């Protein structure tokens, strides 16, 4: 008579597969709940940002310097120009930086604009 191999090793393998399958199902359900929650939170209305009326100055920054309305300006002249514009109302400054301008230079110019009285100063995406 032929002897069959014992079935004991087969039972732990099935148990492991069952545990893995249940774990994957639970994880998928958790991700589905998280996705549903993030979708509903993204739908909430947001109040519009009110921007005060005033002059807008476009500052162009290149590797060779800073230009405003086609004129090359050094930092002191730029600061004085922005201060004069800020006196006319809520000044908004849009900084257009060409490729290769160091990040530190951009941050320094945004700070300069705020110090000169700009109510809003931001990096424009062209």
N, C-alpha and C. Protein backbone atom coordinates (compact mmCIF):
# COMPACT_ATOMS: atom_id res chain seq x y z
N UNK A 1 0.82 -1.17 0.00
CA UNK A 1 0.00 0.00 0.00
C UNK A 1 0.87 1.25 0.00
N UNK A 2 0.41 2.24 -0.74
CA UNK A 2 1.17 3.46 -0.87
C UNK A 2 0.88 4.41 0.26
N UNK A 3 1.89 5.01 0.70
CA UNK A 3 1.74 5.95 1.81
C UNK A 3 1.70 7.37 1.30
N UNK A 4 0.76 8.17 1.77
CA UNK A 4 0.64 9.58 1.36
C UNK A 4 1.49 10.45 2.28
N UNK A 5 1.96 11.53 1.71
CA UNK A 5 2.78 12.46 2.49
C UNK A 5 1.89 13.15 3.51
N UNK A 6 2.42 13.51 4.65
CA UNK A 6 1.62 14.17 5.66
C UNK A 6 1.15 15.55 5.17
N UNK A 7 -0.02 15.96 5.61
CA UNK A 7 -0.60 17.23 5.17
C UNK A 7 -0.30 18.37 6.13
N UNK A 8 0.40 18.12 7.17
CA UNK A 8 0.67 19.16 8.17
C UNK A 8 1.38 20.38 7.60
N UNK A 9 2.44 20.28 6.74
CA UNK A 9 3.08 21.48 6.22
C UNK A 9 2.15 22.30 5.33
N UNK A 10 1.18 21.67 4.72
CA UNK A 10 0.25 22.35 3.82
C UNK A 10 -0.65 23.33 4.58
N UNK A 11 -1.03 23.02 5.78
CA UNK A 11 -1.94 23.85 6.57
C UNK A 11 -1.31 25.20 6.92
N UNK A 12 -0.06 25.29 7.39
CA UNK A 12 0.52 26.60 7.68
C UNK A 12 0.63 27.50 6.45
N UNK A 13 0.90 26.92 5.28
CA UNK A 13 1.01 27.73 4.06
C UNK A 13 -0.34 28.36 3.74
N UNK A 14 -1.41 27.60 3.85
CA UNK A 14 -2.74 28.16 3.61
C UNK A 14 -3.08 29.24 4.63
N UNK A 15 -2.68 29.01 5.87
CA UNK A 15 -2.93 30.02 6.90
C UNK A 15 -2.20 31.32 6.60
N UNK A 16 -0.95 31.22 6.15
CA UNK A 16 -0.18 32.42 5.81
C UNK A 16 -0.81 33.17 4.63
N UNK A 17 -1.23 32.41 3.62
CA UNK A 17 -1.87 33.04 2.47
C UNK A 17 -3.16 33.75 2.87
N UNK A 18 -3.92 33.16 3.76
CA UNK A 18 -5.16 33.76 4.23
C UNK A 18 -4.87 35.06 4.99
N UNK A 19 -3.85 35.06 5.83
CA UNK A 19 -3.48 36.25 6.60
C UNK A 19 -3.05 37.37 5.66
N UNK A 20 -2.23 37.03 4.64
CA UNK A 20 -1.77 38.03 3.68
C UNK A 20 -2.95 38.60 2.91
N UNK A 21 -3.86 37.76 2.45
CA UNK A 21 -5.02 38.22 1.68
C UNK A 21 -5.90 39.14 2.52
N UNK A 22 -6.13 38.79 3.77
CA UNK A 22 -6.95 39.65 4.63
C UNK A 22 -6.25 40.98 4.91
N UNK A 23 -4.93 40.94 5.08
CA UNK A 23 -4.18 42.18 5.31
C UNK A 23 -4.25 43.10 4.11
N UNK A 24 -4.14 42.54 2.90
CA UNK A 24 -4.23 43.35 1.68
C UNK A 24 -5.61 43.95 1.53
N UNK A 25 -6.64 43.18 1.84
CA UNK A 25 -8.01 43.69 1.74
C UNK A 25 -8.23 44.83 2.72
N UNK A 26 -7.72 44.69 3.94
CA UNK A 26 -7.87 45.74 4.94
C UNK A 26 -7.13 47.00 4.52
N UNK A 27 -5.94 46.83 3.97
CA UNK A 27 -5.16 47.99 3.52
C UNK A 27 -5.85 48.70 2.36
N UNK A 28 -6.42 47.95 1.43
CA UNK A 28 -7.14 48.55 0.30
C UNK A 28 -8.35 49.33 0.80
N UNK A 29 -9.05 48.81 1.80
CA UNK A 29 -10.20 49.51 2.35
C UNK A 29 -9.77 50.80 3.03
N UNK A 30 -8.64 50.78 3.72
CA UNK A 30 -8.12 51.98 4.38
C UNK A 30 -7.78 53.04 3.34
N UNK A 31 -7.12 52.64 2.25
CA UNK A 31 -6.77 53.60 1.18
C UNK A 31 -8.02 54.16 0.52
N UNK A 32 -9.03 53.33 0.34
CA UNK A 32 -10.27 53.80 -0.28
C UNK A 32 -10.95 54.84 0.60
N UNK A 33 -10.96 54.61 1.93
CA UNK A 33 -11.55 55.60 2.85
C UNK A 33 -10.76 56.91 2.82
N UNK A 34 -9.44 56.81 2.78
CA UNK A 34 -8.60 58.01 2.75
C UNK A 34 -8.81 58.79 1.46
N UNK A 35 -8.94 58.09 0.35
CA UNK A 35 -9.18 58.76 -0.93
C UNK A 35 -10.54 59.45 -0.94
N UNK A 36 -11.54 58.78 -0.39
CA UNK A 36 -12.87 59.39 -0.32
C UNK A 36 -12.86 60.63 0.57
N UNK A 37 -12.14 60.57 1.67
CA UNK A 37 -12.07 61.72 2.58
C UNK A 37 -11.35 62.88 1.93
N UNK A 38 -10.26 62.63 1.20
CA UNK A 38 -9.52 63.73 0.57
C UNK A 38 -10.32 64.32 -0.58
N UNK A 39 -11.13 63.52 -1.27
CA UNK A 39 -11.96 64.04 -2.35
C UNK A 39 -13.03 64.97 -1.80
N UNK A 40 -13.65 64.59 -0.70
CA UNK A 40 -14.70 65.44 -0.16
C UNK A 40 -14.13 66.70 0.45
N UNK A 41 -12.93 66.64 1.02
CA UNK A 41 -12.35 67.84 1.61
C UNK A 41 -11.90 68.82 0.55
N UNK A 42 -11.57 68.35 -0.67
CA UNK A 42 -11.11 69.24 -1.73
C UNK A 42 -12.27 69.99 -2.37
N UNK A 43 -13.50 69.59 -2.10
CA UNK A 43 -14.66 70.20 -2.72
C UNK A 43 -15.15 71.43 -1.97
N UNK A 44 -14.70 71.59 -0.74
CA UNK A 44 -15.18 72.73 0.06
C UNK A 44 -14.87 74.04 -0.62
N UNK A 45 -15.81 74.98 -0.64
CA UNK A 45 -15.56 76.27 -1.27
C UNK A 45 -14.56 77.10 -0.47
N UNK A 46 -13.78 77.87 -1.19
CA UNK A 46 -12.78 78.72 -0.57
C UNK A 46 -13.13 80.17 -0.90
N UNK A 47 -13.05 81.02 0.10
CA UNK A 47 -13.35 82.43 -0.12
C UNK A 47 -12.30 83.04 -1.04
N UNK A 48 -12.70 83.88 -1.96
CA UNK A 48 -11.73 84.51 -2.86
C UNK A 48 -10.83 85.48 -2.09
N UNK A 49 -9.60 85.57 -2.55
CA UNK A 49 -8.65 86.48 -1.94
C UNK A 49 -8.88 87.87 -2.52
N UNK A 50 -9.07 88.82 -1.64
CA UNK A 50 -9.27 90.19 -2.11
C UNK A 50 -7.93 90.88 -2.22
N UNK A 51 -7.67 91.42 -3.38
CA UNK A 51 -6.44 92.14 -3.63
C UNK A 51 -6.78 93.60 -3.79
N UNK A 52 -6.14 94.44 -3.00
CA UNK A 52 -6.41 95.87 -3.06
C UNK A 52 -5.93 96.43 -4.39
N UNK A 53 -6.64 97.43 -4.86
CA UNK A 53 -6.26 98.09 -6.11
C UNK A 53 -5.03 98.94 -5.90
N UNK A 54 -4.16 98.93 -6.85
CA UNK A 54 -2.95 99.72 -6.78
C UNK A 54 -2.05 99.37 -7.94
N UNK A 55 -0.91 100.01 -8.02
CA UNK A 55 -0.01 99.75 -9.14
C UNK A 55 0.59 98.36 -9.09
N UNK A 56 0.84 97.81 -10.27
CA UNK A 56 1.52 96.52 -10.40
C UNK A 56 2.81 96.76 -11.15
N UNK A 57 3.90 96.28 -10.59
CA UNK A 57 5.21 96.45 -11.20
C UNK A 57 5.76 95.07 -11.56
N UNK A 58 6.15 94.91 -12.82
CA UNK A 58 6.79 93.67 -13.27
C UNK A 58 8.29 93.88 -13.25
N UNK A 59 8.98 93.05 -12.47
CA UNK A 59 10.43 93.12 -12.34
C UNK A 59 11.00 91.89 -13.04
N UNK A 60 11.89 92.12 -13.99
CA UNK A 60 12.51 91.03 -14.75
C UNK A 60 13.94 90.83 -14.28
N UNK A 61 14.25 89.62 -13.83
CA UNK A 61 15.57 89.32 -13.29
C UNK A 61 16.27 88.36 -14.24
N UNK A 62 17.44 88.78 -14.67
CA UNK A 62 18.26 87.94 -15.54
C UNK A 62 19.65 87.83 -14.93
N UNK A 63 20.46 87.02 -15.52
CA UNK A 63 21.82 86.84 -15.00
C UNK A 63 22.60 88.15 -15.06
N UNK A 64 22.29 89.02 -16.05
CA UNK A 64 23.04 90.27 -16.20
C UNK A 64 22.46 91.43 -15.40
N UNK A 65 21.34 91.22 -14.70
CA UNK A 65 20.80 92.29 -13.87
C UNK A 65 19.28 92.31 -13.80
N UNK A 66 18.77 93.43 -13.26
CA UNK A 66 17.33 93.59 -13.04
C UNK A 66 16.82 94.68 -13.97
N UNK A 67 15.65 94.44 -14.58
CA UNK A 67 15.03 95.44 -15.46
C UNK A 67 13.59 95.67 -15.03
N UNK A 68 13.21 96.94 -15.07
CA UNK A 68 11.83 97.35 -14.82
C UNK A 68 11.45 98.30 -15.94
N UNK A 69 10.38 97.99 -16.66
CA UNK A 69 9.91 98.80 -17.78
C UNK A 69 11.04 99.03 -18.79
N UNK A 70 11.88 98.03 -19.00
CA UNK A 70 12.96 98.11 -19.97
C UNK A 70 14.23 98.76 -19.47
N UNK A 71 14.19 99.37 -18.28
CA UNK A 71 15.37 100.05 -17.75
C UNK A 71 16.11 99.15 -16.77
N UNK A 72 17.45 99.11 -16.89
CA UNK A 72 18.28 98.36 -15.95
C UNK A 72 18.39 99.16 -14.66
N UNK A 73 18.14 98.50 -13.53
CA UNK A 73 18.21 99.17 -12.23
C UNK A 73 19.08 98.37 -11.27
N UNK A 74 19.88 99.08 -10.50
CA UNK A 74 20.61 98.47 -9.39
C UNK A 74 19.66 98.41 -8.20
N UNK A 75 20.02 97.67 -7.16
CA UNK A 75 19.13 97.49 -6.00
C UNK A 75 18.69 98.81 -5.35
N UNK A 76 19.59 99.78 -5.11
CA UNK A 76 19.12 101.03 -4.48
C UNK A 76 18.09 101.76 -5.35
N UNK A 77 18.33 101.79 -6.65
CA UNK A 77 17.38 102.46 -7.56
C UNK A 77 16.06 101.69 -7.61
N UNK A 78 16.13 100.37 -7.59
CA UNK A 78 14.90 99.56 -7.58
C UNK A 78 14.10 99.81 -6.31
N UNK A 79 14.78 99.85 -5.17
CA UNK A 79 14.11 100.12 -3.90
C UNK A 79 13.41 101.48 -3.93
N UNK A 80 14.09 102.50 -4.42
CA UNK A 80 13.51 103.84 -4.49
C UNK A 80 12.31 103.86 -5.44
N UNK A 81 12.44 103.18 -6.58
CA UNK A 81 11.33 103.12 -7.55
C UNK A 81 10.12 102.45 -6.93
N UNK A 82 10.33 101.33 -6.25
CA UNK A 82 9.21 100.61 -5.63
C UNK A 82 8.58 101.43 -4.51
N UNK A 83 9.37 102.17 -3.75
CA UNK A 83 8.81 103.03 -2.70
C UNK A 83 7.91 104.10 -3.30
N UNK A 84 8.34 104.71 -4.40
CA UNK A 84 7.50 105.72 -5.06
C UNK A 84 6.19 105.10 -5.54
N UNK A 85 6.26 103.89 -6.08
CA UNK A 85 5.05 103.21 -6.56
C UNK A 85 4.13 102.84 -5.40
N UNK A 86 4.71 102.45 -4.26
CA UNK A 86 3.92 102.06 -3.09
C UNK A 86 3.15 103.24 -2.52
N UNK A 87 3.67 104.46 -2.68
CA UNK A 87 2.98 105.65 -2.20
C UNK A 87 1.68 105.89 -2.97
N UNK A 88 1.59 105.36 -4.20
CA UNK A 88 0.41 105.55 -5.03
C UNK A 88 -0.73 104.61 -4.66
N UNK A 89 -0.48 103.62 -3.85
CA UNK A 89 -1.53 102.66 -3.47
C UNK A 89 -0.92 101.33 -3.08
N UNK A 90 -1.76 100.32 -3.03
CA UNK A 90 -1.33 98.98 -2.62
C UNK A 90 -0.50 98.35 -3.74
N UNK A 91 0.80 98.45 -3.60
CA UNK A 91 1.73 97.98 -4.63
C UNK A 91 1.75 96.46 -4.71
N UNK A 92 1.73 95.97 -5.95
CA UNK A 92 1.87 94.54 -6.21
C UNK A 92 3.08 94.38 -7.11
N UNK A 93 3.97 93.46 -6.75
CA UNK A 93 5.18 93.22 -7.52
C UNK A 93 5.17 91.79 -8.04
N UNK A 94 5.38 91.65 -9.35
CA UNK A 94 5.52 90.33 -9.97
C UNK A 94 6.96 90.20 -10.43
N UNK A 95 7.63 89.20 -9.92
CA UNK A 95 9.03 88.98 -10.24
C UNK A 95 9.12 87.89 -11.30
N UNK A 96 9.70 88.22 -12.44
CA UNK A 96 9.90 87.26 -13.54
C UNK A 96 11.38 86.93 -13.59
N UNK A 97 11.75 85.72 -13.21
CA UNK A 97 13.16 85.32 -13.18
C UNK A 97 13.46 84.39 -14.33
N UNK A 98 14.53 84.69 -15.05
CA UNK A 98 14.93 83.80 -16.14
C UNK A 98 15.67 82.60 -15.57
N UNK A 99 15.82 81.61 -16.40
CA UNK A 99 16.47 80.37 -15.97
C UNK A 99 17.93 80.67 -15.61
N UNK A 100 18.38 80.06 -14.53
CA UNK A 100 19.76 80.22 -14.12
C UNK A 100 19.98 81.27 -13.04
N UNK A 101 18.94 82.04 -12.72
CA UNK A 101 19.08 83.03 -11.65
C UNK A 101 19.06 82.28 -10.33
N UNK A 102 20.05 82.50 -9.46
CA UNK A 102 20.10 81.77 -8.19
C UNK A 102 18.87 82.05 -7.31
N UNK A 103 18.44 81.03 -6.62
CA UNK A 103 17.28 81.11 -5.73
C UNK A 103 17.47 82.22 -4.69
N UNK A 104 18.68 82.34 -4.16
CA UNK A 104 18.95 83.36 -3.14
C UNK A 104 18.70 84.76 -3.68
N UNK A 105 19.03 84.98 -4.95
CA UNK A 105 18.82 86.29 -5.58
C UNK A 105 17.33 86.59 -5.68
N UNK A 106 16.54 85.61 -6.04
CA UNK A 106 15.09 85.79 -6.17
C UNK A 106 14.49 86.12 -4.80
N UNK A 107 14.87 85.38 -3.78
CA UNK A 107 14.36 85.61 -2.43
C UNK A 107 14.76 87.00 -1.95
N UNK A 108 15.99 87.40 -2.23
CA UNK A 108 16.46 88.73 -1.81
C UNK A 108 15.65 89.84 -2.48
N UNK A 109 15.31 89.67 -3.76
CA UNK A 109 14.52 90.68 -4.46
C UNK A 109 13.07 90.71 -3.97
N UNK A 110 12.51 89.56 -3.65
CA UNK A 110 11.15 89.54 -3.08
C UNK A 110 11.14 90.24 -1.73
N UNK A 111 12.17 90.01 -0.92
CA UNK A 111 12.29 90.70 0.37
C UNK A 111 12.45 92.20 0.17
N UNK A 112 13.26 92.59 -0.81
CA UNK A 112 13.46 94.01 -1.11
C UNK A 112 12.12 94.66 -1.47
N UNK A 113 11.32 93.99 -2.28
CA UNK A 113 10.02 94.54 -2.68
C UNK A 113 9.11 94.72 -1.46
N UNK A 114 9.09 93.75 -0.57
CA UNK A 114 8.24 93.86 0.63
C UNK A 114 8.74 94.98 1.54
N UNK A 115 10.05 95.09 1.69
CA UNK A 115 10.62 96.15 2.52
C UNK A 115 10.34 97.53 1.93
N UNK A 116 10.25 97.60 0.60
CA UNK A 116 9.99 98.88 -0.07
C UNK A 116 8.52 99.29 0.03
N UNK A 117 7.69 98.38 0.53
CA UNK A 117 6.28 98.72 0.72
C UNK A 117 5.30 97.95 -0.13
N UNK A 118 5.76 96.94 -0.82
CA UNK A 118 4.85 96.14 -1.64
C UNK A 118 3.91 95.35 -0.73
N UNK A 119 2.62 95.47 -1.02
CA UNK A 119 1.62 94.71 -0.25
C UNK A 119 1.64 93.25 -0.65
N UNK A 120 1.88 93.02 -1.94
CA UNK A 120 1.97 91.66 -2.48
C UNK A 120 3.21 91.58 -3.35
N UNK A 121 4.02 90.57 -3.12
CA UNK A 121 5.21 90.31 -3.96
C UNK A 121 5.27 88.82 -4.20
N UNK A 122 5.33 88.45 -5.48
CA UNK A 122 5.30 87.02 -5.80
C UNK A 122 6.13 86.75 -7.03
N UNK A 123 6.52 85.50 -7.18
CA UNK A 123 7.25 85.03 -8.34
C UNK A 123 6.24 84.64 -9.40
N UNK A 124 6.33 85.25 -10.56
CA UNK A 124 5.40 84.96 -11.66
C UNK A 124 5.88 83.74 -12.41
N UNK A 125 4.94 82.94 -12.89
CA UNK A 125 5.30 81.78 -13.70
C UNK A 125 4.95 82.10 -15.15
N UNK A 126 5.98 82.17 -15.96
CA UNK A 126 5.79 82.50 -17.39
C UNK A 126 5.78 81.26 -18.22
